[in-house]
Amino acid sequence: MKDHYAILGVAANAPLTEVKSAYRKKASLLHPDKNPSADAAAKFREIQEAYELLGDKDRRHAYDENRRRSLLDNPLESAREIWQYYLDGILKR
């Protein structure tokens, strides 16, 4: 499960305005027309996907509920996945 909050660099309780702001900043940096990096298009799609989910109130609520259930059902595995995704993002910068 991808951590869409980590992708955008916002907290799980971030208001929609903060989510939008983070998306716009990352989108301007990673847009394939502005960023010649080979992985810019893939990263741009990833932030688009995260914003589409977190920018929609109903989809965000469902995502948050799924995250909460995952942590309750299998907390160690969920925590391991979240940290791994986070650390991979930090190390690739």
PDB file of N, CA and C in Angstrom:
ATOM      1  N   MET A   1       0.842  -1.174   0.000  1.00  0.00           N
ATOM      2  CA  MET A   1       0.000   0.000   0.000  1.00  0.00           C
ATOM      3  C   MET A   1       0.891   1.244   0.000  1.00  0.00           C
ATOM      4  N   LYS A   2       0.683   2.117  -0.940  1.00  0.00           N
ATOM      5  CA  LYS A   2       1.456   3.355  -1.023  1.00  0.00           C
ATOM      6  C   LYS A   2       1.002   4.323   0.047  1.00  0.00           C
ATOM      7  N   ASP A   3       1.938   5.070   0.578  1.00  0.00           N
ATOM      8  CA  ASP A   3       1.606   6.118   1.535  1.00  0.00           C
ATOM      9  C   ASP A   3       1.502   7.430   0.758  1.00  0.00           C
ATOM     10  N   HIS A   4       0.278   7.764   0.387  1.00  0.00           N
ATOM     11  CA  HIS A   4       0.053   8.957  -0.427  1.00  0.00           C
ATOM     12  C   HIS A   4       0.393  10.246   0.317  1.00  0.00           C
ATOM     13  N   TYR A   5       0.291  10.216   1.633  1.00  0.00           N
ATOM     14  CA  TYR A   5       0.687  11.391   2.410  1.00  0.00           C
ATOM     15  C   TYR A   5       2.195  11.616   2.289  1.00  0.00           C
ATOM     16  N   ALA A   6       2.964  10.556   2.381  1.00  0.00           N
ATOM     17  CA  ALA A   6       4.421  10.668   2.262  1.00  0.00           C
ATOM     18  C   ALA A   6       4.817  11.111   0.854  1.00  0.00           C
ATOM     19  N   ILE A   7       4.097  10.641  -0.139  1.00  0.00           N
ATOM     20  CA  ILE A   7       4.399  11.027  -1.519  1.00  0.00           C
ATOM     21  C   ILE A   7       4.300  12.541  -1.680  1.00  0.00           C
ATOM     22  N   LEU A   8       3.256  13.124  -1.083  1.00  0.00           N
ATOM     23  CA  LEU A   8       3.083  14.580  -1.174  1.00  0.00           C
ATOM     24  C   LEU A   8       3.851  15.336  -0.094  1.00  0.00           C
ATOM     25  N   GLY A   9       4.335  14.610   0.906  1.00  0.00           N
ATOM     26  CA  GLY A   9       5.099  15.246   1.970  1.00  0.00           C
ATOM     27  C   GLY A   9       4.238  16.023   2.950  1.00  0.00           C
ATOM     28  N   VAL A  10       3.038  15.511   3.227  1.00  0.00           N
ATOM     29  CA  VAL A  10       2.140  16.162   4.179  1.00  0.00           C
ATOM     30  C   VAL A  10       1.759  15.178   5.282  1.00  0.00           C
ATOM     31  N   ALA A  11       1.307  15.720   6.387  1.00  0.00           N
ATOM     32  CA  ALA A  11       0.852  14.889   7.500  1.00  0.00           C
ATOM     33  C   ALA A  11      -0.523  14.310   7.177  1.00  0.00           C
ATOM     34  N   ALA A  12      -0.866  13.221   7.836  1.00  0.00           N
ATOM     35  CA  ALA A  12      -2.155  12.571   7.606  1.00  0.00           C
ATOM     36  C   ALA A  12      -3.332  13.456   7.999  1.00  0.00           C
ATOM     37  N   ASN A  13      -3.116  14.406   8.871  1.00  0.00           N
ATOM     38  CA  ASN A  13      -4.206  15.296   9.278  1.00  0.00           C
ATOM     39  C   ASN A  13      -4.145  16.655   8.573  1.00  0.00           C
ATOM     40  N   ALA A  14      -3.379  16.748   7.510  1.00  0.00           N
ATOM     41  CA  ALA A  14      -3.214  18.007   6.780  1.00  0.00           C
ATOM     42  C   ALA A  14      -4.541  18.424   6.145  1.00  0.00           C
ATOM     43  N   PRO A  15      -4.865  19.708   6.232  1.00  0.00           N
ATOM     44  CA  PRO A  15      -6.086  20.187   5.576  1.00  0.00           C
ATOM     45  C   PRO A  15      -5.919  20.158   4.056  1.00  0.00           C
ATOM     46  N   LEU A  16      -7.037  20.220   3.364  1.00  0.00           N
ATOM     47  CA  LEU A  16      -7.022  20.145   1.903  1.00  0.00           C
ATOM     48  C   LEU A  16      -6.164  21.252   1.284  1.00  0.00           C
ATOM     49  N   THR A  17      -6.160  22.421   1.885  1.00  0.00           N
ATOM     50  CA  THR A  17      -5.345  23.515   1.340  1.00  0.00           C
ATOM     51  C   THR A  17      -3.866  23.165   1.343  1.00  0.00           C
ATOM     52  N   GLU A  18      -3.426  22.485   2.413  1.00  0.00           N
ATOM     53  CA  GLU A  18      -2.015  22.072   2.493  1.00  0.00           C
ATOM     54  C   GLU A  18      -1.715  20.968   1.480  1.00  0.00           C
ATOM     55  N   VAL A  19      -2.656  20.067   1.281  1.00  0.00           N
ATOM     56  CA  VAL A  19      -2.495  18.994   0.292  1.00  0.00           C
ATOM     57  C   VAL A  19      -2.365  19.607  -1.103  1.00  0.00           C
ATOM     58  N   LYS A  20      -3.233  20.566  -1.415  1.00  0.00           N
ATOM     59  CA  LYS A  20      -3.188  21.234  -2.724  1.00  0.00           C
ATOM     60  C   LYS A  20      -1.862  21.963  -2.928  1.00  0.00           C
ATOM     61  N   SER A  21      -1.427  22.669  -1.898  1.00  0.00           N
ATOM     62  CA  SER A  21      -0.179  23.421  -1.990  1.00  0.00           C
ATOM     63  C   SER A  21       1.007  22.490  -2.223  1.00  0.00           C
ATOM     64  N   ALA A  22       1.054  21.396  -1.467  1.00  0.00           N
ATOM     65  CA  ALA A  22       2.149  20.432  -1.629  1.00  0.00           C
ATOM     66  C   ALA A  22       2.129  19.825  -3.028  1.00  0.00           C
ATOM     67  N   TYR A  23       0.940  19.505  -3.520  1.00  0.00           N
ATOM     68  CA  TYR A  23       0.816  18.936  -4.868  1.00  0.00           C
ATOM     69  C   TYR A  23       1.342  19.924  -5.906  1.00  0.00           C
ATOM     70  N   ARG A  24       0.917  21.160  -5.813  1.00  0.00           N
ATOM     71  CA  ARG A  24       1.329  22.164  -6.805  1.00  0.00           C
ATOM     72  C   ARG A  24       2.842  22.355  -6.829  1.00  0.00           C
ATOM     73  N   LYS A  25       3.442  22.383  -5.642  1.00  0.00           N
ATOM     74  CA  LYS A  25       4.897  22.550  -5.569  1.00  0.00           C
ATOM     75  C   LYS A  25       5.623  21.367  -6.212  1.00  0.00           C
ATOM     76  N   LYS A  26       5.183  20.165  -5.848  1.00  0.00           N
ATOM     77  CA  LYS A  26       5.847  18.980  -6.400  1.00  0.00           C
ATOM     78  C   LYS A  26       5.568  18.842  -7.893  1.00  0.00           C
ATOM     79  N   ALA A  27       4.349  19.159  -8.304  1.00  0.00           N
ATOM     80  CA  ALA A  27       4.005  19.060  -9.721  1.00  0.00           C
ATOM     81  C   ALA A  27       4.843  20.014 -10.561  1.00  0.00           C
ATOM     82  N   SER A  28       5.075  21.210 -10.050  1.00  0.00           N
ATOM     83  CA  SER A  28       5.878  22.162 -10.825  1.00  0.00           C
ATOM     84  C   SER A  28       7.340  21.713 -10.924  1.00  0.00           C
ATOM     85  N   LEU A  29       7.820  21.026  -9.897  1.00  0.00           N
ATOM     86  CA  LEU A  29       9.199  20.533  -9.930  1.00  0.00           C
ATOM     87  C   LEU A  29       9.363  19.279 -10.789  1.00  0.00           C
ATOM     88  N   LEU A  30       8.337  18.440 -10.810  1.00  0.00           N
ATOM     89  CA  LEU A  30       8.474  17.134 -11.457  1.00  0.00           C
ATOM     90  C   LEU A  30       7.767  17.018 -12.801  1.00  0.00           C
ATOM     91  N   HIS A  31       7.141  18.082 -13.256  1.00  0.00           N
ATOM     92  CA  HIS A  31       6.442  17.995 -14.538  1.00  0.00           C
ATOM     93  C   HIS A  31       7.436  17.625 -15.632  1.00  0.00           C
ATOM     94  N   PRO A  32       7.109  16.612 -16.433  1.00  0.00           N
ATOM     95  CA  PRO A  32       8.057  16.139 -17.457  1.00  0.00           C
ATOM     96  C   PRO A  32       8.495  17.214 -18.457  1.00  0.00           C
ATOM     97  N   ASP A  33       7.652  18.230 -18.669  1.00  0.00           N
ATOM     98  CA  ASP A  33       8.042  19.300 -19.589  1.00  0.00           C
ATOM     99  C   ASP A  33       9.097  20.228 -18.978  1.00  0.00           C
ATOM    100  N   LYS A  34       9.181  20.242 -17.657  1.00  0.00           N
ATOM    101  CA  LYS A  34      10.126  21.131 -16.972  1.00  0.00           C
ATOM    102  C   LYS A  34      11.302  20.389 -16.367  1.00  0.00           C
ATOM    103  N   ASN A  35      11.159  19.096 -16.161  1.00  0.00           N
ATOM    104  CA  ASN A  35      12.200  18.313 -15.494  1.00  0.00           C
ATOM    105  C   ASN A  35      12.738  17.261 -16.464  1.00  0.00           C
ATOM    106  N   PRO A  36      13.990  17.360 -16.861  1.00  0.00           N
ATOM    107  CA  PRO A  36      14.552  16.417 -17.833  1.00  0.00           C
ATOM    108  C   PRO A  36      14.930  15.055 -17.247  1.00  0.00           C
ATOM    109  N   SER A  37      14.785  14.886 -15.943  1.00  0.00           N
ATOM    110  CA  SER A  37      15.146  13.629 -15.289  1.00  0.00           C
ATOM    111  C   SER A  37      14.381  12.457 -15.901  1.00  0.00           C
ATOM    112  N   ALA A  38      15.052  11.321 -15.989  1.00  0.00           N
ATOM    113  CA  ALA A  38      14.440  10.135 -16.605  1.00  0.00           C
ATOM    114  C   ALA A  38      13.231   9.633 -15.827  1.00  0.00           C
ATOM    115  N   ASP A  39      13.236   9.828 -14.516  1.00  0.00           N
ATOM    116  CA  ASP A  39      12.117   9.323 -13.719  1.00  0.00           C
ATOM    117  C   ASP A  39      11.089  10.407 -13.374  1.00  0.00           C
ATOM    118  N   ALA A  40      11.196  11.580 -13.975  1.00  0.00           N
ATOM    119  CA  ALA A  40      10.276  12.676 -13.677  1.00  0.00           C
ATOM    120  C   ALA A  40       8.836  12.317 -14.026  1.00  0.00           C
ATOM    121  N   ALA A  41       8.621  11.681 -15.163  1.00  0.00           N
ATOM    122  CA  ALA A  41       7.251  11.336 -15.574  1.00  0.00           C
ATOM    123  C   ALA A  41       6.615  10.356 -14.589  1.00  0.00           C
ATOM    124  N   ALA A  42       7.362   9.382 -14.154  1.00  0.00           N
ATOM    125  CA  ALA A  42       6.829   8.396 -13.214  1.00  0.00           C
ATOM    126  C   ALA A  42       6.517   9.045 -11.869  1.00  0.00           C
ATOM    127  N   LYS A  43       7.403   9.897 -11.396  1.00  0.00           N
ATOM    128  CA  LYS A  43       7.166  10.589 -10.128  1.00  0.00           C
ATOM    129  C   LYS A  43       5.990  11.549 -10.252  1.00  0.00           C
ATOM    130  N   PHE A  44       5.866  12.198 -11.403  1.00  0.00           N
ATOM    131  CA  PHE A  44       4.748  13.113 -11.632  1.00  0.00           C
ATOM    132  C   PHE A  44       3.426  12.346 -11.576  1.00  0.00           C
ATOM    133  N   ARG A  45       3.366  11.177 -12.214  1.00  0.00           N
ATOM    134  CA  ARG A  45       2.148  10.348 -12.167  1.00  0.00           C
ATOM    135  C   ARG A  45       1.842   9.925 -10.736  1.00  0.00           C
ATOM    136  N   GLU A  46       2.882   9.628  -9.976  1.00  0.00           N
ATOM    137  CA  GLU A  46       2.709   9.206  -8.587  1.00  0.00           C
ATOM    138  C   GLU A  46       2.105  10.328  -7.737  1.00  0.00           C
ATOM    139  N   ILE A  47       2.585  11.557  -7.914  1.00  0.00           N
ATOM    140  CA  ILE A  47       2.014  12.647  -7.136  1.00  0.00           C
ATOM    141  C   ILE A  47       0.610  12.993  -7.624  1.00  0.00           C
ATOM    142  N   GLN A  48       0.347  12.825  -8.925  1.00  0.00           N
ATOM    143  CA  GLN A  48      -1.009  13.035  -9.433  1.00  0.00           C
ATOM    144  C   GLN A  48      -1.977  12.042  -8.791  1.00  0.00           C
ATOM    145  N   GLU A  49      -1.568  10.789  -8.745  1.00  0.00           N
ATOM    146  CA  GLU A  49      -2.395   9.749  -8.140  1.00  0.00           C
ATOM    147  C   GLU A  49      -2.665  10.070  -6.673  1.00  0.00           C
ATOM    148  N   ALA A  50      -1.639  10.487  -5.956  1.00  0.00           N
ATOM    149  CA  ALA A  50      -1.790  10.827  -4.539  1.00  0.00           C
ATOM    150  C   ALA A  50      -2.752  12.000  -4.364  1.00  0.00           C
ATOM    151  N   TYR A  51      -2.622  13.008  -5.208  1.00  0.00           N
ATOM    152  CA  TYR A  51      -3.493  14.173  -5.093  1.00  0.00           C
ATOM    153  C   TYR A  51      -4.936  13.841  -5.461  1.00  0.00           C
ATOM    154  N   GLU A  52      -5.119  13.036  -6.490  1.00  0.00           N
ATOM    155  CA  GLU A  52      -6.479  12.649  -6.872  1.00  0.00           C
ATOM    156  C   GLU A  52      -7.176  11.943  -5.718  1.00  0.00           C
ATOM    157  N   LEU A  53      -6.447  11.116  -4.998  1.00  0.00           N
ATOM    158  CA  LEU A  53      -7.037  10.393  -3.880  1.00  0.00           C
ATOM    159  C   LEU A  53      -7.245  11.316  -2.677  1.00  0.00           C
ATOM    160  N   LEU A  54      -6.220  12.052  -2.286  1.00  0.00           N
ATOM    161  CA  LEU A  54      -6.310  12.877  -1.079  1.00  0.00           C
ATOM    162  C   LEU A  54      -7.117  14.156  -1.292  1.00  0.00           C
ATOM    163  N   GLY A  55      -7.270  14.575  -2.524  1.00  0.00           N
ATOM    164  CA  GLY A  55      -8.037  15.777  -2.827  1.00  0.00           C
ATOM    165  C   GLY A  55      -9.533  15.547  -2.852  1.00  0.00           C
ATOM    166  N   ASP A  56      -9.962  14.303  -2.883  1.00  0.00           N
ATOM    167  CA  ASP A  56     -11.378  13.952  -2.885  1.00  0.00           C
ATOM    168  C   ASP A  56     -11.777  13.503  -1.480  1.00  0.00           C
ATOM    169  N   LYS A  57     -12.726  14.203  -0.887  1.00  0.00           N
ATOM    170  CA  LYS A  57     -13.101  13.947   0.505  1.00  0.00           C
ATOM    171  C   LYS A  57     -13.501  12.492   0.748  1.00  0.00           C
ATOM    172  N   ASP A  58     -14.333  11.929  -0.106  1.00  0.00           N
ATOM    173  CA  ASP A  58     -14.803  10.551   0.087  1.00  0.00           C
ATOM    174  C   ASP A  58     -13.690   9.529  -0.111  1.00  0.00           C
ATOM    175  N   ARG A  59     -12.892   9.713  -1.157  1.00  0.00           N
ATOM    176  CA  ARG A  59     -11.785   8.781  -1.410  1.00  0.00           C
ATOM    177  C   ARG A  59     -10.747   8.862  -0.299  1.00  0.00           C
ATOM    178  N   ARG A  60     -10.497  10.068   0.198  1.00  0.00           N
ATOM    179  CA  ARG A  60      -9.529  10.245   1.287  1.00  0.00           C
ATOM    180  C   ARG A  60     -10.020   9.539   2.551  1.00  0.00           C
ATOM    181  N   HIS A  61     -11.304   9.682   2.849  1.00  0.00           N
ATOM    182  CA  HIS A  61     -11.861   9.021   4.024  1.00  0.00           C
ATOM    183  C   HIS A  61     -11.723   7.501   3.906  1.00  0.00           C
ATOM    184  N   ALA A  62     -12.052   6.956   2.739  1.00  0.00           N
ATOM    185  CA  ALA A  62     -11.924   5.508   2.520  1.00  0.00           C
ATOM    186  C   ALA A  62     -10.467   5.065   2.655  1.00  0.00           C
ATOM    187  N   TYR A  63      -9.544   5.851   2.106  1.00  0.00           N
ATOM    188  CA  TYR A  63      -8.115   5.544   2.202  1.00  0.00           C
ATOM    189  C   TYR A  63      -7.659   5.554   3.658  1.00  0.00           C
ATOM    190  N   ASP A  64      -8.090   6.576   4.412  1.00  0.00           N
ATOM    191  CA  ASP A  64      -7.717   6.667   5.826  1.00  0.00           C
ATOM    192  C   ASP A  64      -8.271   5.487   6.617  1.00  0.00           C
ATOM    193  N   GLU A  65      -9.490   5.089   6.320  1.00  0.00           N
ATOM    194  CA  GLU A  65     -10.082   3.934   7.001  1.00  0.00           C
ATOM    195  C   GLU A  65      -9.308   2.656   6.675  1.00  0.00           C
ATOM    196  N   ASN A  66      -8.910   2.520   5.436  1.00  0.00           N
ATOM    197  CA  ASN A  66      -8.127   1.352   5.030  1.00  0.00           C
ATOM    198  C   ASN A  66      -6.769   1.335   5.739  1.00  0.00           C
ATOM    199  N   ARG A  67      -6.140   2.488   5.842  1.00  0.00           N
ATOM    200  CA  ARG A  67      -4.857   2.585   6.570  1.00  0.00           C
ATOM    201  C   ARG A  67      -5.045   2.217   8.032  1.00  0.00           C
ATOM    202  N   ARG A  68      -6.109   2.725   8.629  1.00  0.00           N
ATOM    203  CA  ARG A  68      -6.379   2.437  10.035  1.00  0.00           C
ATOM    204  C   ARG A  68      -6.609   0.941  10.239  1.00  0.00           C
ATOM    205  N   ARG A  69      -7.410   0.327   9.364  1.00  0.00           N
ATOM    206  CA  ARG A  69      -7.660  -1.116   9.469  1.00  0.00           C
ATOM    207  C   ARG A  69      -6.382  -1.910   9.270  1.00  0.00           C
ATOM    208  N   SER A  70      -5.553  -1.503   8.348  1.00  0.00           N
ATOM    209  CA  SER A  70      -4.296  -2.207   8.099  1.00  0.00           C
ATOM    210  C   SER A  70      -3.406  -2.163   9.328  1.00  0.00           C
ATOM    211  N   LEU A  71      -3.367  -1.022   9.961  1.00  0.00           N
ATOM    212  CA  LEU A  71      -2.552  -0.904  11.164  1.00  0.00           C
ATOM    213  C   LEU A  71      -3.111  -1.744  12.302  1.00  0.00           C
ATOM    214  N   LEU A  72      -4.429  -1.874  12.373  1.00  0.00           N
ATOM    215  CA  LEU A  72      -5.040  -2.676  13.430  1.00  0.00           C
ATOM    216  C   LEU A  72      -4.900  -4.168  13.163  1.00  0.00           C
ATOM    217  N   ASP A  73      -5.081  -4.560  11.915  1.00  0.00           N
ATOM    218  CA  ASP A  73      -5.041  -5.974  11.563  1.00  0.00           C
ATOM    219  C   ASP A  73      -3.626  -6.536  11.585  1.00  0.00           C
ATOM    220  N   ASN A  74      -2.688  -5.788  11.057  1.00  0.00           N
ATOM    221  CA  ASN A  74      -1.318  -6.274  10.961  1.00  0.00           C
ATOM    222  C   ASN A  74      -0.365  -5.094  11.181  1.00  0.00           C
ATOM    223  N   PRO A  75      -0.249  -4.632  12.433  1.00  0.00           N
ATOM    224  CA  PRO A  75       0.499  -3.400  12.679  1.00  0.00           C
ATOM    225  C   PRO A  75       1.979  -3.465  12.324  1.00  0.00           C
ATOM    226  N   LEU A  76       2.633  -4.560  12.585  1.00  0.00           N
ATOM    227  CA  LEU A  76       4.067  -4.624  12.288  1.00  0.00           C
ATOM    228  C   LEU A  76       4.340  -4.582  10.795  1.00  0.00           C
ATOM    229  N   GLU A  77       3.584  -5.340  10.034  1.00  0.00           N
ATOM    230  CA  GLU A  77       3.775  -5.350   8.581  1.00  0.00           C
ATOM    231  C   GLU A  77       3.441  -3.985   7.979  1.00  0.00           C
ATOM    232  N   SER A  78       2.351  -3.384   8.418  1.00  0.00           N
ATOM    233  CA  SER A  78       1.964  -2.069   7.910  1.00  0.00           C
ATOM    234  C   SER A  78       3.022  -1.025   8.239  1.00  0.00           C
ATOM    235  N   ALA A  79       3.510  -1.036   9.476  1.00  0.00           N
ATOM    236  CA  ALA A  79       4.546  -0.083   9.878  1.00  0.00           C
ATOM    237  C   ALA A  79       5.822  -0.299   9.065  1.00  0.00           C
ATOM    238  N   ARG A  80       6.176  -1.545   8.845  1.00  0.00           N
ATOM    239  CA  ARG A  80       7.368  -1.881   8.063  1.00  0.00           C
ATOM    240  C   ARG A  80       7.243  -1.337   6.633  1.00  0.00           C
ATOM    241  N   GLU A  81       6.065  -1.519   6.023  1.00  0.00           N
ATOM    242  CA  GLU A  81       5.842  -1.024   4.657  1.00  0.00           C
ATOM    243  C   GLU A  81       5.925   0.495   4.605  1.00  0.00           C
ATOM    244  N   ILE A  82       5.301   1.152   5.569  1.00  0.00           N
ATOM    245  CA  ILE A  82       5.313   2.615   5.589  1.00  0.00           C
ATOM    246  C   ILE A  82       6.742   3.145   5.745  1.00  0.00           C
ATOM    247  N   TRP A  83       7.499   2.594   6.685  1.00  0.00           N
ATOM    248  CA  TRP A  83       8.874   3.039   6.893  1.00  0.00           C
ATOM    249  C   TRP A  83       9.757   2.742   5.690  1.00  0.00           C
ATOM    250  N   GLN A  84       9.558   1.586   5.082  1.00  0.00           N
ATOM    251  CA  GLN A  84      10.367   1.241   3.917  1.00  0.00           C
ATOM    252  C   GLN A  84      10.111   2.221   2.769  1.00  0.00           C
ATOM    253  N   TYR A  85       8.840   2.513   2.538  1.00  0.00           N
ATOM    254  CA  TYR A  85       8.484   3.463   1.477  1.00  0.00           C
ATOM    255  C   TYR A  85       9.080   4.837   1.787  1.00  0.00           C
ATOM    256  N   TYR A  86       8.982   5.257   3.053  1.00  0.00           N
ATOM    257  CA  TYR A  86       9.517   6.547   3.469  1.00  0.00           C
ATOM    258  C   TYR A  86      11.035   6.596   3.293  1.00  0.00           C
ATOM    259  N   LEU A  87      11.715   5.574   3.768  1.00  0.00           N
ATOM    260  CA  LEU A  87      13.171   5.545   3.670  1.00  0.00           C
ATOM    261  C   LEU A  87      13.649   5.458   2.221  1.00  0.00           C
ATOM    262  N   ASP A  88      12.937   4.700   1.390  1.00  0.00           N
ATOM    263  CA  ASP A  88      13.292   4.636  -0.028  1.00  0.00           C
ATOM    264  C   ASP A  88      13.214   6.016  -0.657  1.00  0.00           C
ATOM    265  N   GLY A  89      12.181   6.792  -0.288  1.00  0.00           N
ATOM    266  CA  GLY A  89      12.031   8.138  -0.818  1.00  0.00           C
ATOM    267  C   GLY A  89      13.152   9.061  -0.359  1.00  0.00           C
ATOM    268  N   ILE A  90      13.563   8.929   0.873  1.00  0.00           N
ATOM    269  CA  ILE A  90      14.646   9.755   1.419  1.00  0.00           C
ATOM    270  C   ILE A  90      15.974   9.408   0.745  1.00  0.00           C
ATOM    271  N   LEU A  91      16.237   8.131   0.580  1.00  0.00           N
ATOM    272  CA  LEU A  91      17.521   7.704   0.023  1.00  0.00           C
ATOM    273  C   LEU A  91      17.652   8.014  -1.462  1.00  0.00           C
ATOM    274  N   LYS A  92      16.543   8.150  -2.171  1.00  0.00           N
ATOM    275  CA  LYS A  92      16.581   8.413  -3.615  1.00  0.00           C
ATOM    276  C   LYS A  92      16.735   9.891  -3.939  1.00  0.00           C
ATOM    277  N   ARG A  93      16.649  10.748  -2.941  1.00  0.00           N
ATOM    278  CA  ARG A  93      16.726  12.199  -3.193  1.00  0.00           C
ATOM    279  C   ARG A  93      18.103  12.629  -3.495  1.00  0.00           C
TER     280      ARG A  93
END
